[in-house]
Amino acid sequence: MSQTGSSESIKIVDDRAAGRLSAVEDGAVVGHIAYFVLAESPHALVAVHTIVEPGHEGRGIAGNLVKTFYGIAADEGVPVVPLCPYAASWAAKHPEQAPEAPTGVVAAAKAQLDSDSDLW
């Protein structure tokens, strides 16, 4: 999946196999969300880390990544579990775009993360 980012020069690219939603500018990754798909139904998308590379902060890249992440989940009909502090903060500020995941889904996501250190 590729979407235009907050600037015409930034593309958002989802690499589901790698668990990475990347912001790419001029061929270089300038930010990303590391995530995994919850193994059990409803197969939520679980954000673990949001990172913007040095020199690219303050341009709305992280917010655009999280907004796009929620959009992808909405298109797929699955919830987002924002375990990443930035994603959780963004979700709290944008409840109309970031519906809260059911408690059981959040617990399952935390359990899966705790049981598999490769997800970090």
PDB file of N, CA and C in Angstrom:
ATOM      1  N   MET A   1       0.845  -1.164   0.000  1.00  0.00           N
ATOM      2  CA  MET A   1       0.000   0.000   0.000  1.00  0.00           C
ATOM      3  C   MET A   1       0.889   1.225   0.000  1.00  0.00           C
ATOM      4  N   SER A   2       0.551   2.199  -0.797  1.00  0.00           N
ATOM      5  CA  SER A   2       1.310   3.442  -0.869  1.00  0.00           C
ATOM      6  C   SER A   2       0.332   4.593  -0.892  1.00  0.00           C
ATOM      7  N   GLN A   3       0.530   5.562  -0.007  1.00  0.00           N
ATOM      8  CA  GLN A   3      -0.332   6.725   0.044  1.00  0.00           C
ATOM      9  C   GLN A   3       0.539   7.960   0.116  1.00  0.00           C
ATOM     10  N   THR A   4       0.005   9.063  -0.376  1.00  0.00           N
ATOM     11  CA  THR A   4       0.744  10.311  -0.282  1.00  0.00           C
ATOM     12  C   THR A   4       0.724  10.779   1.157  1.00  0.00           C
ATOM     13  N   GLY A   5       1.852  11.239   1.651  1.00  0.00           N
ATOM     14  CA  GLY A   5       1.960  11.698   3.020  1.00  0.00           C
ATOM     15  C   GLY A   5       1.560  13.149   3.168  1.00  0.00           C
ATOM     16  N   SER A   6       1.979  13.790   4.277  1.00  0.00           N
ATOM     17  CA  SER A   6       1.600  15.162   4.560  1.00  0.00           C
ATOM     18  C   SER A   6       2.234  16.131   3.583  1.00  0.00           C
ATOM     19  N   SER A   7       3.260  15.716   2.932  1.00  0.00           N
ATOM     20  CA  SER A   7       3.934  16.506   1.914  1.00  0.00           C
ATOM     21  C   SER A   7       3.911  15.677   0.642  1.00  0.00           C
ATOM     22  N   GLU A   8       3.861  16.342  -0.487  1.00  0.00           N
ATOM     23  CA  GLU A   8       3.818  15.608  -1.756  1.00  0.00           C
ATOM     24  C   GLU A   8       5.034  14.709  -1.935  1.00  0.00           C
ATOM     25  N   SER A   9       6.127  15.028  -1.267  1.00  0.00           N
ATOM     26  CA  SER A   9       7.345  14.240  -1.454  1.00  0.00           C
ATOM     27  C   SER A   9       7.422  13.021  -0.539  1.00  0.00           C
ATOM     28  N   ILE A  10       6.467  12.864   0.367  1.00  0.00           N
ATOM     29  CA  ILE A  10       6.491  11.734   1.302  1.00  0.00           C
ATOM     30  C   ILE A  10       5.425  10.723   0.916  1.00  0.00           C
ATOM     31  N   LYS A  11       5.844   9.482   0.803  1.00  0.00           N
ATOM     32  CA  LYS A  11       4.932   8.370   0.529  1.00  0.00           C
ATOM     33  C   LYS A  11       4.883   7.488   1.769  1.00  0.00           C
ATOM     34  N   ILE A  12       3.699   6.969   2.067  1.00  0.00           N
ATOM     35  CA  ILE A  12       3.536   6.032   3.172  1.00  0.00           C
ATOM     36  C   ILE A  12       3.418   4.640   2.559  1.00  0.00           C
ATOM     37  N   VAL A  13       4.287   3.734   2.993  1.00  0.00           N
ATOM     38  CA  VAL A  13       4.359   2.394   2.418  1.00  0.00           C
ATOM     39  C   VAL A  13       4.186   1.353   3.528  1.00  0.00           C
ATOM     40  N   ASP A  14       3.217   0.444   3.350  1.00  0.00           N
ATOM     41  CA  ASP A  14       2.959  -0.608   4.323  1.00  0.00           C
ATOM     42  C   ASP A  14       3.632  -1.895   3.868  1.00  0.00           C
ATOM     43  N   ASP A  15       4.557  -2.392   4.678  1.00  0.00           N
ATOM     44  CA  ASP A  15       5.187  -3.690   4.433  1.00  0.00           C
ATOM     45  C   ASP A  15       4.682  -4.636   5.519  1.00  0.00           C
ATOM     46  N   ARG A  16       3.556  -5.274   5.270  1.00  0.00           N
ATOM     47  CA  ARG A  16       2.905  -6.120   6.267  1.00  0.00           C
ATOM     48  C   ARG A  16       3.801  -7.265   6.702  1.00  0.00           C
ATOM     49  N   ALA A  17       4.527  -7.862   5.774  1.00  0.00           N
ATOM     50  CA  ALA A  17       5.396  -8.995   6.110  1.00  0.00           C
ATOM     51  C   ALA A  17       6.477  -8.590   7.108  1.00  0.00           C
ATOM     52  N   ALA A  18       6.979  -7.372   6.985  1.00  0.00           N
ATOM     53  CA  ALA A  18       8.016  -6.878   7.891  1.00  0.00           C
ATOM     54  C   ALA A  18       7.426  -6.208   9.127  1.00  0.00           C
ATOM     55  N   GLY A  19       6.116  -5.946   9.126  1.00  0.00           N
ATOM     56  CA  GLY A  19       5.497  -5.247  10.247  1.00  0.00           C
ATOM     57  C   GLY A  19       5.982  -3.818  10.342  1.00  0.00           C
ATOM     58  N   ARG A  20       5.991  -3.142   9.198  1.00  0.00           N
ATOM     59  CA  ARG A  20       6.534  -1.786   9.174  1.00  0.00           C
ATOM     60  C   ARG A  20       5.722  -0.914   8.224  1.00  0.00           C
ATOM     61  N   LEU A  21       5.251   0.214   8.746  1.00  0.00           N
ATOM     62  CA  LEU A  21       4.604   1.247   7.949  1.00  0.00           C
ATOM     63  C   LEU A  21       5.609   2.383   7.873  1.00  0.00           C
ATOM     64  N   SER A  22       6.108   2.662   6.678  1.00  0.00           N
ATOM     65  CA  SER A  22       7.216   3.611   6.524  1.00  0.00           C
ATOM     66  C   SER A  22       6.797   4.877   5.805  1.00  0.00           C
ATOM     67  N   ALA A  23       7.403   5.982   6.215  1.00  0.00           N
ATOM     68  CA  ALA A  23       7.307   7.255   5.502  1.00  0.00           C
ATOM     69  C   ALA A  23       8.595   7.374   4.698  1.00  0.00           C
ATOM     70  N   VAL A  24       8.459   7.475   3.381  1.00  0.00           N
ATOM     71  CA  VAL A  24       9.614   7.479   2.487  1.00  0.00           C
ATOM     72  C   VAL A  24       9.649   8.799   1.723  1.00  0.00           C
ATOM     73  N   GLU A  25      10.812   9.436   1.750  1.00  0.00           N
ATOM     74  CA  GLU A  25      11.014  10.694   1.032  1.00  0.00           C
ATOM     75  C   GLU A  25      12.293  10.583   0.219  1.00  0.00           C
ATOM     76  N   ASP A  26      12.192  10.840  -1.061  1.00  0.00           N
ATOM     77  CA  ASP A  26      13.349  10.760  -1.960  1.00  0.00           C
ATOM     78  C   ASP A  26      14.086   9.428  -1.824  1.00  0.00           C
ATOM     79  N   GLY A  27      13.337   8.352  -1.664  1.00  0.00           N
ATOM     80  CA  GLY A  27      13.924   7.019  -1.591  1.00  0.00           C
ATOM     81  C   GLY A  27      14.463   6.619  -0.232  1.00  0.00           C
ATOM     82  N   ALA A  28      14.409   7.522   0.745  1.00  0.00           N
ATOM     83  CA  ALA A  28      14.927   7.221   2.081  1.00  0.00           C
ATOM     84  C   ALA A  28      13.782   7.156   3.094  1.00  0.00           C
ATOM     85  N   VAL A  29      13.868   6.200   4.011  1.00  0.00           N
ATOM     86  CA  VAL A  29      12.878   6.106   5.081  1.00  0.00           C
ATOM     87  C   VAL A  29      13.165   7.217   6.088  1.00  0.00           C
ATOM     88  N   VAL A  30      12.154   8.070   6.316  1.00  0.00           N
ATOM     89  CA  VAL A  30      12.319   9.184   7.246  1.00  0.00           C
ATOM     90  C   VAL A  30      11.533   8.964   8.536  1.00  0.00           C
ATOM     91  N   GLY A  31      10.750   7.898   8.575  1.00  0.00           N
ATOM     92  CA  GLY A  31      10.009   7.546   9.774  1.00  0.00           C
ATOM     93  C   GLY A  31       9.288   6.235   9.561  1.00  0.00           C
ATOM     94  N   HIS A  32       8.896   5.594  10.667  1.00  0.00           N
ATOM     95  CA  HIS A  32       8.142   4.350  10.533  1.00  0.00           C
ATOM     96  C   HIS A  32       7.403   4.000  11.815  1.00  0.00           C
ATOM     97  N   ILE A  33       6.409   3.160  11.647  1.00  0.00           N
ATOM     98  CA  ILE A  33       5.739   2.505  12.767  1.00  0.00           C
ATOM     99  C   ILE A  33       6.096   1.030  12.672  1.00  0.00           C
ATOM    100  N   ALA A  34       6.630   0.485  13.761  1.00  0.00           N
ATOM    101  CA  ALA A  34       6.837  -0.959  13.861  1.00  0.00           C
ATOM    102  C   ALA A  34       5.552  -1.523  14.466  1.00  0.00           C
ATOM    103  N   TYR A  35       5.023  -2.581  13.852  1.00  0.00           N
ATOM    104  CA  TYR A  35       3.763  -3.137  14.323  1.00  0.00           C
ATOM    105  C   TYR A  35       3.693  -4.636  14.061  1.00  0.00           C
ATOM    106  N   PHE A  36       2.677  -5.255  14.639  1.00  0.00           N
ATOM    107  CA  PHE A  36       2.384  -6.649  14.322  1.00  0.00           C
ATOM    108  C   PHE A  36       0.877  -6.816  14.231  1.00  0.00           C
ATOM    109  N   VAL A  37       0.480  -7.926  13.641  1.00  0.00           N
ATOM    110  CA  VAL A  37      -0.934  -8.266  13.524  1.00  0.00           C
ATOM    111  C   VAL A  37      -1.252  -9.271  14.622  1.00  0.00           C
ATOM    112  N   LEU A  38      -2.269  -8.980  15.407  1.00  0.00           N
ATOM    113  CA  LEU A  38      -2.672  -9.878  16.483  1.00  0.00           C
ATOM    114  C   LEU A  38      -3.001 -11.251  15.906  1.00  0.00           C
ATOM    115  N   ALA A  39      -2.439 -12.285  16.507  1.00  0.00           N
ATOM    116  CA  ALA A  39      -2.581 -13.644  15.980  1.00  0.00           C
ATOM    117  C   ALA A  39      -4.018 -14.155  16.045  1.00  0.00           C
ATOM    118  N   GLU A  40      -4.757 -13.730  17.066  1.00  0.00           N
ATOM    119  CA  GLU A  40      -6.128 -14.223  17.202  1.00  0.00           C
ATOM    120  C   GLU A  40      -7.124 -13.185  16.690  1.00  0.00           C
ATOM    121  N   SER A  41      -8.302 -13.653  16.343  1.00  0.00           N
ATOM    122  CA  SER A  41      -9.350 -12.763  15.848  1.00  0.00           C
ATOM    123  C   SER A  41      -9.676 -11.740  16.925  1.00  0.00           C
ATOM    124  N   PRO A  42      -9.828 -10.476  16.584  1.00  0.00           N
ATOM    125  CA  PRO A  42     -10.095  -9.874  15.290  1.00  0.00           C
ATOM    126  C   PRO A  42      -8.851  -9.423  14.524  1.00  0.00           C
ATOM    127  N   HIS A  43      -7.696  -9.968  14.812  1.00  0.00           N
ATOM    128  CA  HIS A  43      -6.469  -9.663  14.067  1.00  0.00           C
ATOM    129  C   HIS A  43      -6.176  -8.162  14.041  1.00  0.00           C
ATOM    130  N   ALA A  44      -6.226  -7.546  15.186  1.00  0.00           N
ATOM    131  CA  ALA A  44      -5.945  -6.117  15.321  1.00  0.00           C
ATOM    132  C   ALA A  44      -4.546  -5.782  14.823  1.00  0.00           C
ATOM    133  N   LEU A  45      -4.359  -4.529  14.426  1.00  0.00           N
ATOM    134  CA  LEU A  45      -3.027  -4.015  14.120  1.00  0.00           C
ATOM    135  C   LEU A  45      -2.493  -3.393  15.405  1.00  0.00           C
ATOM    136  N   VAL A  46      -1.306  -3.811  15.819  1.00  0.00           N
ATOM    137  CA  VAL A  46      -0.748  -3.400  17.109  1.00  0.00           C
ATOM    138  C   VAL A  46       0.508  -2.562  16.878  1.00  0.00           C
ATOM    139  N   ALA A  47       0.419  -1.270  17.174  1.00  0.00           N
ATOM    140  CA  ALA A  47       1.552  -0.355  17.015  1.00  0.00           C
ATOM    141  C   ALA A  47       2.480  -0.496  18.217  1.00  0.00           C
ATOM    142  N   VAL A  48       3.755  -0.779  17.951  1.00  0.00           N
ATOM    143  CA  VAL A  48       4.731  -0.989  19.019  1.00  0.00           C
ATOM    144  C   VAL A  48       5.669   0.212  19.163  1.00  0.00           C
ATOM    145  N   HIS A  49       6.135   0.755  18.061  1.00  0.00           N
ATOM    146  CA  HIS A  49       7.047   1.910  18.084  1.00  0.00           C
ATOM    147  C   HIS A  49       6.705   2.849  16.933  1.00  0.00           C
ATOM    148  N   THR A  50       6.825   4.149  17.180  1.00  0.00           N
ATOM    149  CA  THR A  50       6.755   5.149  16.112  1.00  0.00           C
ATOM    150  C   THR A  50       8.051   5.929  16.180  1.00  0.00           C
ATOM    151  N   ILE A  51       8.768   5.963  15.066  1.00  0.00           N
ATOM    152  CA  ILE A  51      10.086   6.605  15.033  1.00  0.00           C
ATOM    153  C   ILE A  51      10.157   7.550  13.844  1.00  0.00           C
ATOM    154  N   VAL A  52      10.665   8.757  14.083  1.00  0.00           N
ATOM    155  CA  VAL A  52      10.989   9.698  13.009  1.00  0.00           C
ATOM    156  C   VAL A  52      12.493   9.920  13.075  1.00  0.00           C
ATOM    157  N   GLU A  53      13.137   9.797  11.941  1.00  0.00           N
ATOM    158  CA  GLU A  53      14.596   9.916  11.883  1.00  0.00           C
ATOM    159  C   GLU A  53      15.050  11.337  12.225  1.00  0.00           C
ATOM    160  N   PRO A  54      16.227  11.467  12.860  1.00  0.00           N
ATOM    161  CA  PRO A  54      16.765  12.786  13.195  1.00  0.00           C
ATOM    162  C   PRO A  54      16.811  13.687  11.957  1.00  0.00           C
ATOM    163  N   GLY A  55      16.450  14.937  12.182  1.00  0.00           N
ATOM    164  CA  GLY A  55      16.435  15.910  11.094  1.00  0.00           C
ATOM    165  C   GLY A  55      15.098  15.990  10.380  1.00  0.00           C
ATOM    166  N   HIS A  56      14.188  15.083  10.716  1.00  0.00           N
ATOM    167  CA  HIS A  56      12.876  15.082  10.065  1.00  0.00           C
ATOM    168  C   HIS A  56      11.746  15.332  11.064  1.00  0.00           C
ATOM    169  N   GLU A  57      12.088  15.586  12.318  1.00  0.00           N
ATOM    170  CA  GLU A  57      11.092  15.835  13.344  1.00  0.00           C
ATOM    171  C   GLU A  57      10.369  17.154  13.072  1.00  0.00           C
ATOM    172  N   GLY A  58       9.170  17.278  13.641  1.00  0.00           N
ATOM    173  CA  GLY A  58       8.439  18.532  13.560  1.00  0.00           C
ATOM    174  C   GLY A  58       7.748  18.795  12.229  1.00  0.00           C
ATOM    175  N   ARG A  59       7.673  17.788  11.381  1.00  0.00           N
ATOM    176  CA  ARG A  59       7.051  17.957  10.065  1.00  0.00           C
ATOM    177  C   ARG A  59       5.714  17.228   9.963  1.00  0.00           C
ATOM    178  N   GLY A  60       5.257  16.659  11.062  1.00  0.00           N
ATOM    179  CA  GLY A  60       3.990  15.944  11.052  1.00  0.00           C
ATOM    180  C   GLY A  60       4.084  14.520  10.533  1.00  0.00           C
ATOM    181  N   ILE A  61       5.290  14.014  10.397  1.00  0.00           N
ATOM    182  CA  ILE A  61       5.481  12.669   9.841  1.00  0.00           C
ATOM    183  C   ILE A  61       4.901  11.605  10.771  1.00  0.00           C
ATOM    184  N   ALA A  62       5.191  11.689  12.062  1.00  0.00           N
ATOM    185  CA  ALA A  62       4.684  10.683  13.004  1.00  0.00           C
ATOM    186  C   ALA A  62       3.161  10.692  13.032  1.00  0.00           C
ATOM    187  N   GLY A  63       2.569  11.874  13.099  1.00  0.00           N
ATOM    188  CA  GLY A  63       1.112  11.973  13.100  1.00  0.00           C
ATOM    189  C   GLY A  63       0.503  11.414  11.830  1.00  0.00           C
ATOM    190  N   ASN A  64       1.127  11.691  10.708  1.00  0.00           N
ATOM    191  CA  ASN A  64       0.627  11.172   9.435  1.00  0.00           C
ATOM    192  C   ASN A  64       0.731   9.647   9.393  1.00  0.00           C
ATOM    193  N   LEU A  65       1.816   9.109   9.927  1.00  0.00           N
ATOM    194  CA  LEU A  65       1.959   7.649   9.988  1.00  0.00           C
ATOM    195  C   LEU A  65       0.839   7.026  10.825  1.00  0.00           C
ATOM    196  N   VAL A  66       0.590   7.585  12.004  1.00  0.00           N
ATOM    197  CA  VAL A  66      -0.435   7.017  12.885  1.00  0.00           C
ATOM    198  C   VAL A  66      -1.822   7.169  12.259  1.00  0.00           C
ATOM    199  N   LYS A  67      -2.102   8.323  11.679  1.00  0.00           N
ATOM    200  CA  LYS A  67      -3.397   8.528  11.012  1.00  0.00           C
ATOM    201  C   LYS A  67      -3.580   7.503   9.891  1.00  0.00           C
ATOM    202  N   THR A  68      -2.557   7.287   9.101  1.00  0.00           N
ATOM    203  CA  THR A  68      -2.622   6.305   8.018  1.00  0.00           C
ATOM    204  C   THR A  68      -2.801   4.896   8.574  1.00  0.00           C
ATOM    205  N   PHE A  69      -2.104   4.589   9.669  1.00  0.00           N
ATOM    206  CA  PHE A  69      -2.215   3.278  10.316  1.00  0.00           C
ATOM    207  C   PHE A  69      -3.664   3.007  10.722  1.00  0.00           C
ATOM    208  N   TYR A  70      -4.299   3.993  11.358  1.00  0.00           N
ATOM    209  CA  TYR A  70      -5.707   3.843  11.731  1.00  0.00           C
ATOM    210  C   TYR A  70      -6.593   3.711  10.497  1.00  0.00           C
ATOM    211  N   GLY A  71      -6.271   4.418   9.432  1.00  0.00           N
ATOM    212  CA  GLY A  71      -7.036   4.309   8.195  1.00  0.00           C
ATOM    213  C   GLY A  71      -6.948   2.926   7.581  1.00  0.00           C
ATOM    214  N   ILE A  72      -5.760   2.347   7.604  1.00  0.00           N
ATOM    215  CA  ILE A  72      -5.574   0.987   7.087  1.00  0.00           C
ATOM    216  C   ILE A  72      -6.422   0.011   7.902  1.00  0.00           C
ATOM    217  N   ALA A  73      -6.367   0.144   9.232  1.00  0.00           N
ATOM    218  CA  ALA A  73      -7.150  -0.743  10.098  1.00  0.00           C
ATOM    219  C   ALA A  73      -8.645  -0.583   9.821  1.00  0.00           C
ATOM    220  N   ALA A  74      -9.099   0.648   9.659  1.00  0.00           N
ATOM    221  CA  ALA A  74     -10.517   0.889   9.367  1.00  0.00           C
ATOM    222  C   ALA A  74     -10.912   0.239   8.047  1.00  0.00           C
ATOM    223  N   ASP A  75     -10.058   0.376   7.039  1.00  0.00           N
ATOM    224  CA  ASP A  75     -10.335  -0.242   5.736  1.00  0.00           C
ATOM    225  C   ASP A  75     -10.434  -1.762   5.847  1.00  0.00           C
ATOM    226  N   GLU A  76      -9.655  -2.343   6.768  1.00  0.00           N
ATOM    227  CA  GLU A  76      -9.646  -3.796   6.955  1.00  0.00           C
ATOM    228  C   GLU A  76     -10.689  -4.264   7.969  1.00  0.00           C
ATOM    229  N   GLY A  77     -11.333  -3.312   8.646  1.00  0.00           N
ATOM    230  CA  GLY A  77     -12.349  -3.659   9.629  1.00  0.00           C
ATOM    231  C   GLY A  77     -11.803  -4.262  10.904  1.00  0.00           C
ATOM    232  N   VAL A  78     -10.579  -3.866  11.276  1.00  0.00           N
ATOM    233  CA  VAL A  78      -9.965  -4.376  12.504  1.00  0.00           C
ATOM    234  C   VAL A  78      -9.577  -3.205  13.405  1.00  0.00           C
ATOM    235  N   PRO A  79      -9.500  -3.446  14.715  1.00  0.00           N
ATOM    236  CA  PRO A  79      -9.090  -2.373  15.616  1.00  0.00           C
ATOM    237  C   PRO A  79      -7.577  -2.164  15.619  1.00  0.00           C
ATOM    238  N   VAL A  80      -7.180  -1.015  16.148  1.00  0.00           N
ATOM    239  CA  VAL A  80      -5.769  -0.711  16.399  1.00  0.00           C
ATOM    240  C   VAL A  80      -5.551  -0.759  17.901  1.00  0.00           C
ATOM    241  N   VAL A  81      -4.453  -1.378  18.308  1.00  0.00           N
ATOM    242  CA  VAL A  81      -4.025  -1.347  19.705  1.00  0.00           C
ATOM    243  C   VAL A  81      -2.744  -0.518  19.733  1.00  0.00           C
ATOM    244  N   PRO A  82      -2.818   0.710  20.249  1.00  0.00           N
ATOM    245  CA  PRO A  82      -1.648   1.592  20.251  1.00  0.00           C
ATOM    246  C   PRO A  82      -0.774   1.385  21.490  1.00  0.00           C
ATOM    247  N   LEU A  83       0.088   0.367  21.471  1.00  0.00           N
ATOM    248  CA  LEU A  83       0.990   0.139  22.601  1.00  0.00           C
ATOM    249  C   LEU A  83       2.148   1.124  22.592  1.00  0.00           C
ATOM    250  N   CYS A  84       2.412   1.724  21.465  1.00  0.00           N
ATOM    251  CA  CYS A  84       3.427   2.770  21.344  1.00  0.00           C
ATOM    252  C   CYS A  84       2.898   4.036  22.022  1.00  0.00           C
ATOM    253  N   PRO A  85       3.686   4.667  22.903  1.00  0.00           N
ATOM    254  CA  PRO A  85       3.215   5.872  23.586  1.00  0.00           C
ATOM    255  C   PRO A  85       2.797   6.998  22.635  1.00  0.00           C
ATOM    256  N   TYR A  86       3.529   7.190  21.546  1.00  0.00           N
ATOM    257  CA  TYR A  86       3.148   8.258  20.618  1.00  0.00           C
ATOM    258  C   TYR A  86       1.800   7.944  19.972  1.00  0.00           C
ATOM    259  N   ALA A  87       1.619   6.716  19.508  1.00  0.00           N
ATOM    260  CA  ALA A  87       0.354   6.336  18.873  1.00  0.00           C
ATOM    261  C   ALA A  87      -0.803   6.453  19.862  1.00  0.00           C
ATOM    262  N   ALA A  88      -0.579   6.071  21.114  1.00  0.00           N
ATOM    263  CA  ALA A  88      -1.621   6.182  22.137  1.00  0.00           C
ATOM    264  C   ALA A  88      -1.976   7.642  22.388  1.00  0.00           C
ATOM    265  N   SER A  89      -0.976   8.511  22.439  1.00  0.00           N
ATOM    266  CA  SER A  89      -1.210   9.940  22.640  1.00  0.00           C
ATOM    267  C   SER A  89      -1.981  10.533  21.464  1.00  0.00           C
ATOM    268  N   TRP A  90      -1.585  10.163  20.245  1.00  0.00           N
ATOM    269  CA  TRP A  90      -2.270  10.659  19.053  1.00  0.00           C
ATOM    270  C   TRP A  90      -3.728  10.204  19.074  1.00  0.00           C
ATOM    271  N   ALA A  91      -3.961   8.944  19.419  1.00  0.00           N
ATOM    272  CA  ALA A  91      -5.321   8.402  19.456  1.00  0.00           C
ATOM    273  C   ALA A  91      -6.185   9.149  20.466  1.00  0.00           C
ATOM    274  N   ALA A  92      -5.619   9.472  21.621  1.00  0.00           N
ATOM    275  CA  ALA A  92      -6.370  10.198  22.643  1.00  0.00           C
ATOM    276  C   ALA A  92      -6.770  11.593  22.161  1.00  0.00           C
ATOM    277  N   LYS A  93      -5.955  12.187  21.314  1.00  0.00           N
ATOM    278  CA  LYS A  93      -6.238  13.530  20.778  1.00  0.00           C
ATOM    279  C   LYS A  93      -7.164  13.502  19.566  1.00  0.00           C
ATOM    280  N   HIS A  94      -7.355  12.333  18.962  1.00  0.00           N
ATOM    281  CA  HIS A  94      -8.161  12.201  17.742  1.00  0.00           C
ATOM    282  C   HIS A  94      -9.158  11.043  17.869  1.00  0.00           C
ATOM    283  N   PRO A  95     -10.026  11.077  18.891  1.00  0.00           N
ATOM    284  CA  PRO A  95     -10.924   9.935  19.113  1.00  0.00           C
ATOM    285  C   PRO A  95     -11.871   9.661  17.945  1.00  0.00           C
ATOM    286  N   GLU A  96     -12.170  10.682  17.157  1.00  0.00           N
ATOM    287  CA  GLU A  96     -13.068  10.476  16.018  1.00  0.00           C
ATOM    288  C   GLU A  96     -12.401   9.665  14.903  1.00  0.00           C
ATOM    289  N   GLN A  97     -11.079   9.666  14.871  1.00  0.00           N
ATOM    290  CA  GLN A  97     -10.328   8.907  13.868  1.00  0.00           C
ATOM    291  C   GLN A  97      -9.706   7.642  14.440  1.00  0.00           C
ATOM    292  N   ALA A  98      -9.716   7.541  15.768  1.00  0.00           N
ATOM    293  CA  ALA A  98      -8.999   6.452  16.435  1.00  0.00           C
ATOM    294  C   ALA A  98      -9.882   5.802  17.496  1.00  0.00           C
ATOM    295  N   PRO A  99     -10.829   4.978  17.070  1.00  0.00           N
ATOM    296  CA  PRO A  99     -11.692   4.325  18.056  1.00  0.00           C
ATOM    297  C   PRO A  99     -10.889   3.422  18.995  1.00  0.00           C
ATOM    298  N   GLU A 100     -11.330   3.393  20.230  1.00  0.00           N
ATOM    299  CA  GLU A 100     -10.640   2.588  21.242  1.00  0.00           C
ATOM    300  C   GLU A 100     -10.868   1.100  20.990  1.00  0.00           C
ATOM    301  N   ALA A 101      -9.808   0.327  21.104  1.00  0.00           N
ATOM    302  CA  ALA A 101      -9.905  -1.126  20.923  1.00  0.00           C
ATOM    303  C   ALA A 101     -10.575  -1.744  22.145  1.00  0.00           C
ATOM    304  N   PRO A 102     -11.339  -2.813  21.947  1.00  0.00           N
ATOM    305  CA  PRO A 102     -11.949  -3.506  23.083  1.00  0.00           C
ATOM    306  C   PRO A 102     -10.885  -3.997  24.074  1.00  0.00           C
ATOM    307  N   THR A 103     -11.236  -3.993  25.347  1.00  0.00           N
ATOM    308  CA  THR A 103     -10.313  -4.371  26.414  1.00  0.00           C
ATOM    309  C   THR A 103      -9.691  -5.747  26.189  1.00  0.00           C
ATOM    310  N   GLY A 104     -10.483  -6.706  25.756  1.00  0.00           N
ATOM    311  CA  GLY A 104      -9.962  -8.053  25.521  1.00  0.00           C
ATOM    312  C   GLY A 104      -8.933  -8.098  24.407  1.00  0.00           C
ATOM    313  N   VAL A 105      -9.123  -7.262  23.392  1.00  0.00           N
ATOM    314  CA  VAL A 105      -8.173  -7.197  22.278  1.00  0.00           C
ATOM    315  C   VAL A 105      -6.857  -6.588  22.757  1.00  0.00           C
ATOM    316  N   VAL A 106      -6.950  -5.549  23.588  1.00  0.00           N
ATOM    317  CA  VAL A 106      -5.741  -4.920  24.140  1.00  0.00           C
ATOM    318  C   VAL A 106      -4.974  -5.932  24.986  1.00  0.00           C
ATOM    319  N   ALA A 107      -5.683  -6.674  25.829  1.00  0.00           N
ATOM    320  CA  ALA A 107      -5.030  -7.687  26.674  1.00  0.00           C
ATOM    321  C   ALA A 107      -4.358  -8.761  25.819  1.00  0.00           C
ATOM    322  N   ALA A 108      -5.023  -9.200  24.758  1.00  0.00           N
ATOM    323  CA  ALA A 108      -4.441 -10.220  23.874  1.00  0.00           C
ATOM    324  C   ALA A 108      -3.197  -9.685  23.168  1.00  0.00           C
ATOM    325  N   ALA A 109      -3.226  -8.420  22.766  1.00  0.00           N
ATOM    326  CA  ALA A 109      -2.067  -7.812  22.099  1.00  0.00           C
ATOM    327  C   ALA A 109      -0.880  -7.730  23.057  1.00  0.00           C
ATOM    328  N   LYS A 110      -1.140  -7.311  24.293  1.00  0.00           N
ATOM    329  CA  LYS A 110      -0.064  -7.233  25.286  1.00  0.00           C
ATOM    330  C   LYS A 110       0.512  -8.615  25.571  1.00  0.00           C
ATOM    331  N   ALA A 111      -0.354  -9.616  25.663  1.00  0.00           N
ATOM    332  CA  ALA A 111       0.114 -10.984  25.926  1.00  0.00           C
ATOM    333  C   ALA A 111       0.967 -11.491  24.769  1.00  0.00           C
ATOM    334  N   GLN A 112       0.546 -11.220  23.528  1.00  0.00           N
ATOM    335  CA  GLN A 112       1.336 -11.662  22.376  1.00  0.00           C
ATOM    336  C   GLN A 112       2.688 -10.960  22.354  1.00  0.00           C
ATOM    337  N   LEU A 113       2.708  -9.683  22.657  1.00  0.00           N
ATOM    338  CA  LEU A 113       3.968  -8.938  22.686  1.00  0.00           C
ATOM    339  C   LEU A 113       4.892  -9.480  23.774  1.00  0.00           C
ATOM    340  N   ASP A 114       4.327  -9.752  24.951  1.00  0.00           N
ATOM    341  CA  ASP A 114       5.128 -10.284  26.059  1.00  0.00           C
ATOM    342  C   ASP A 114       5.705 -11.663  25.751  1.00  0.00           C
ATOM    343  N   SER A 115       4.986 -12.449  24.946  1.00  0.00           N
ATOM    344  CA  SER A 115       5.428 -13.818  24.674  1.00  0.00           C
ATOM    345  C   SER A 115       6.391 -13.931  23.495  1.00  0.00           C
ATOM    346  N   ASP A 116       6.581 -12.850  22.743  1.00  0.00           N
ATOM    347  CA  ASP A 116       7.437 -12.909  21.550  1.00  0.00           C
ATOM    348  C   ASP A 116       8.324 -11.670  21.479  1.00  0.00           C
ATOM    349  N   SER A 117       9.552 -11.794  21.965  1.00  0.00           N
ATOM    350  CA  SER A 117      10.462 -10.646  22.003  1.00  0.00           C
ATOM    351  C   SER A 117      10.846 -10.151  20.610  1.00  0.00           C
ATOM    352  N   ASP A 118      10.650 -10.965  19.581  1.00  0.00           N
ATOM    353  CA  ASP A 118      10.948 -10.526  18.213  1.00  0.00           C
ATOM    354  C   ASP A 118      10.005  -9.427  17.745  1.00  0.00           C
ATOM    355  N   LEU A 119       8.867  -9.270  18.403  1.00  0.00           N
ATOM    356  CA  LEU A 119       7.910  -8.238  18.019  1.00  0.00           C
ATOM    357  C   LEU A 119       8.372  -6.852  18.435  1.00  0.00           C
ATOM    358  N   TRP A 120       9.326  -6.783  19.349  1.00  0.00           N
ATOM    359  CA  TRP A 120       9.864  -5.497  19.783  1.00  0.00           C
ATOM    360  C   TRP A 120      10.767  -4.991  18.719  1.00  0.00           C
TER     361      TRP A 120
END
